[in-house]
Amino acid sequence: KIDLRIAKVVKAETVEGADKLLRLQLDLGGIEKTCLAGIAQAYKPDELVGKTVIYLANLKPRKMKFGLSEGMILAAGTGGKDIFMLSVDAGAKPGQSVH
C-alpha cells in the first residue's frame, strides 16, 4: 500500500557532482524530509521553493552516492527537460493524505 502525502518545498538546491539531481527539503506538516529528485534538467531550484507537490512517503530511506533520500515526489514525462512535477490545488495542506 502506498502512502501519498501533500508536501511543500521549503528548500531546493543543486547537488554538487550530479547533473540530474536536485536536493529538496520538504515540509509534511511539521515533519521535514529530504528527497533527491532527478529533475534538474527541467527545473531550477528557485522555481521550486514554495511549490506544493505530491510525495510518496512510505519508501524506505535510501542512501545514495550524493546523500540520503527519504522518499520520492511524483512527476510525469519522458525525462530530461520533459519532466512535469505533479502539483495540487490551493487548499491542500502539507501532511494531508492523497486519496
C-alpha atoms as a PDB file:
ATOM      1  CA  LYS A   1       0.000   0.000   0.000  1.00  0.00           C
ATOM      2  CA  ILE A   2       1.396   3.397  -0.943  1.00  0.00           C
ATOM      3  CA  ASP A   3       1.215   6.498   1.243  1.00  0.00           C
ATOM      4  CA  LEU A   4       0.872   9.653  -0.860  1.00  0.00           C
ATOM      5  CA  ARG A   5       1.082  12.936   1.028  1.00  0.00           C
ATOM      6  CA  ILE A   6       0.951  16.642   0.286  1.00  0.00           C
ATOM      7  CA  ALA A   7       4.355  18.296   0.746  1.00  0.00           C
ATOM      8  CA  LYS A   8       5.626  21.852   0.398  1.00  0.00           C
ATOM      9  CA  VAL A   9       9.121  22.517  -0.942  1.00  0.00           C
ATOM     10  CA  VAL A  10      10.880  24.676   1.654  1.00  0.00           C
ATOM     11  CA  LYS A  11      14.370  24.459   0.150  1.00  0.00           C
ATOM     12  CA  ALA A  12      15.789  23.293  -3.172  1.00  0.00           C
ATOM     13  CA  GLU A  13      19.422  23.139  -4.211  1.00  0.00           C
ATOM     14  CA  THR A  14      21.650  21.634  -6.836  1.00  0.00           C
ATOM     15  CA  VAL A  15      23.686  18.573  -5.910  1.00  0.00           C
ATOM     16  CA  GLU A  16      27.399  19.037  -6.493  1.00  0.00           C
ATOM     17  CA  GLY A  17      28.697  16.445  -8.961  1.00  0.00           C
ATOM     18  CA  ALA A  18      25.231  15.391 -10.161  1.00  0.00           C
ATOM     19  CA  ASP A  19      23.835  16.752 -13.432  1.00  0.00           C
ATOM     20  CA  LYS A  20      20.300  15.441 -12.983  1.00  0.00           C
ATOM     21  CA  LEU A  21      19.632  15.697  -9.248  1.00  0.00           C
ATOM     22  CA  LEU A  22      18.159  18.386  -7.042  1.00  0.00           C
ATOM     23  CA  ARG A  23      18.037  18.094  -3.242  1.00  0.00           C
ATOM     24  CA  LEU A  24      14.604  19.088  -1.958  1.00  0.00           C
ATOM     25  CA  GLN A  25      13.737  19.803   1.668  1.00  0.00           C
ATOM     26  CA  LEU A  26      10.035  19.056   2.063  1.00  0.00           C
ATOM     27  CA  ASP A  27       7.558  20.062   4.790  1.00  0.00           C
ATOM     28  CA  LEU A  28       4.969  17.385   5.515  1.00  0.00           C
ATOM     29  CA  GLY A  29       3.018  19.317   8.121  1.00  0.00           C
ATOM     30  CA  GLY A  30       5.686  19.793  10.772  1.00  0.00           C
ATOM     31  CA  ILE A  31       7.866  16.889   9.655  1.00  0.00           C
ATOM     32  CA  GLU A  32      10.731  17.660   7.273  1.00  0.00           C
ATOM     33  CA  LYS A  33      12.112  15.124   4.800  1.00  0.00           C
ATOM     34  CA  THR A  34      14.908  15.281   2.236  1.00  0.00           C
ATOM     35  CA  CYS A  35      14.317  13.979  -1.261  1.00  0.00           C
ATOM     36  CA  LEU A  36      16.829  13.662  -4.104  1.00  0.00           C
ATOM     37  CA  ALA A  37      14.894  14.146  -7.342  1.00  0.00           C
ATOM     38  CA  GLY A  38      16.138  13.665 -10.908  1.00  0.00           C
ATOM     39  CA  ILE A  39      14.527  16.878 -12.167  1.00  0.00           C
ATOM     40  CA  ALA A  40      17.492  19.268 -12.524  1.00  0.00           C
ATOM     41  CA  GLN A  41      17.280  19.405 -16.316  1.00  0.00           C
ATOM     42  CA  ALA A  42      13.661  20.565 -16.139  1.00  0.00           C
ATOM     43  CA  TYR A  43      13.622  22.862 -13.079  1.00  0.00           C
ATOM     44  CA  LYS A  44      15.847  25.442 -11.429  1.00  0.00           C
ATOM     45  CA  PRO A  45      15.946  25.280  -7.611  1.00  0.00           C
ATOM     46  CA  ASP A  46      14.465  28.769  -7.132  1.00  0.00           C
ATOM     47  CA  GLU A  47      11.408  27.764  -9.209  1.00  0.00           C
ATOM     48  CA  LEU A  48      10.526  25.060  -6.705  1.00  0.00           C
ATOM     49  CA  VAL A  49      10.619  26.811  -3.325  1.00  0.00           C
ATOM     50  CA  GLY A  50       7.043  27.245  -2.106  1.00  0.00           C
ATOM     51  CA  LYS A  51       5.619  24.745  -4.593  1.00  0.00           C
ATOM     52  CA  THR A  52       3.158  22.179  -3.247  1.00  0.00           C
ATOM     53  CA  VAL A  53       3.774  18.655  -4.567  1.00  0.00           C
ATOM     54  CA  ILE A  54       2.703  15.042  -4.074  1.00  0.00           C
ATOM     55  CA  TYR A  55       5.196  12.943  -2.097  1.00  0.00           C
ATOM     56  CA  LEU A  56       5.490   9.161  -1.807  1.00  0.00           C
ATOM     57  CA  ALA A  57       6.084   8.985   1.929  1.00  0.00           C
ATOM     58  CA  ASN A  58       6.427   5.322   2.824  1.00  0.00           C
ATOM     59  CA  LEU A  59       9.517   4.404   0.839  1.00  0.00           C
ATOM     60  CA  LYS A  60      12.440   3.131   2.871  1.00  0.00           C
ATOM     61  CA  PRO A  61      15.127   5.861   3.084  1.00  0.00           C
ATOM     62  CA  ARG A  62      17.820   5.188   0.506  1.00  0.00           C
ATOM     63  CA  LYS A  63      21.489   6.036   0.892  1.00  0.00           C
ATOM     64  CA  MET A  64      22.687   7.293  -2.472  1.00  0.00           C
ATOM     65  CA  LYS A  65      26.061   8.489  -3.706  1.00  0.00           C
ATOM     66  CA  PHE A  66      25.014  12.116  -3.078  1.00  0.00           C
ATOM     67  CA  GLY A  67      23.187  11.659   0.237  1.00  0.00           C
ATOM     68  CA  LEU A  68      20.090  10.174   1.823  1.00  0.00           C
ATOM     69  CA  SER A  69      16.758  10.315   0.005  1.00  0.00           C
ATOM     70  CA  GLU A  70      13.707   9.793   2.220  1.00  0.00           C
ATOM     71  CA  GLY A  71      11.011   9.410  -0.409  1.00  0.00           C
ATOM     72  CA  MET A  72      10.004  10.440  -3.894  1.00  0.00           C
ATOM     73  CA  ILE A  73       7.985  13.211  -5.500  1.00  0.00           C
ATOM     74  CA  LEU A  74       5.533  12.387  -8.277  1.00  0.00           C
ATOM     75  CA  ALA A  75       6.231  13.607 -11.800  1.00  0.00           C
ATOM     76  CA  ALA A  76       5.239  12.739 -15.342  1.00  0.00           C
ATOM     77  CA  GLY A  77       7.126  12.861 -18.642  1.00  0.00           C
ATOM     78  CA  THR A  78       9.769  11.037 -20.598  1.00  0.00           C
ATOM     79  CA  GLY A  79      12.809  12.514 -18.836  1.00  0.00           C
ATOM     80  CA  GLY A  80      15.419  15.214 -19.414  1.00  0.00           C
ATOM     81  CA  LYS A  81      13.677  18.548 -19.947  1.00  0.00           C
ATOM     82  CA  ASP A  82      10.373  16.709 -20.439  1.00  0.00           C
ATOM     83  CA  ILE A  83       9.553  16.249 -16.738  1.00  0.00           C
ATOM     84  CA  PHE A  84       6.486  17.731 -15.092  1.00  0.00           C
ATOM     85  CA  MET A  85       6.048  17.607 -11.317  1.00  0.00           C
ATOM     86  CA  LEU A  86       2.509  16.879 -10.240  1.00  0.00           C
ATOM     87  CA  SER A  87       1.090  19.678  -8.137  1.00  0.00           C
ATOM     88  CA  VAL A  88      -2.119  20.222  -6.195  1.00  0.00           C
ATOM     89  CA  ASP A  89      -4.877  22.799  -5.975  1.00  0.00           C
ATOM     90  CA  ALA A  90      -4.796  25.579  -3.407  1.00  0.00           C
ATOM     91  CA  GLY A  91      -6.219  24.490  -0.083  1.00  0.00           C
ATOM     92  CA  ALA A  92      -4.292  21.227   0.200  1.00  0.00           C
ATOM     93  CA  LYS A  93      -2.109  21.343   3.318  1.00  0.00           C
ATOM     94  CA  PRO A  94       1.292  19.707   3.901  1.00  0.00           C
ATOM     95  CA  GLY A  95       0.935  16.305   5.527  1.00  0.00           C
ATOM     96  CA  GLN A  96      -2.575  15.585   4.238  1.00  0.00           C
ATOM     97  CA  SER A  97      -3.149  12.166   2.685  1.00  0.00           C
ATOM     98  CA  VAL A  98      -3.902  11.897  -1.008  1.00  0.00           C
ATOM     99  CA  HIS A  99      -6.976   9.749  -1.659  1.00  0.00           C
END
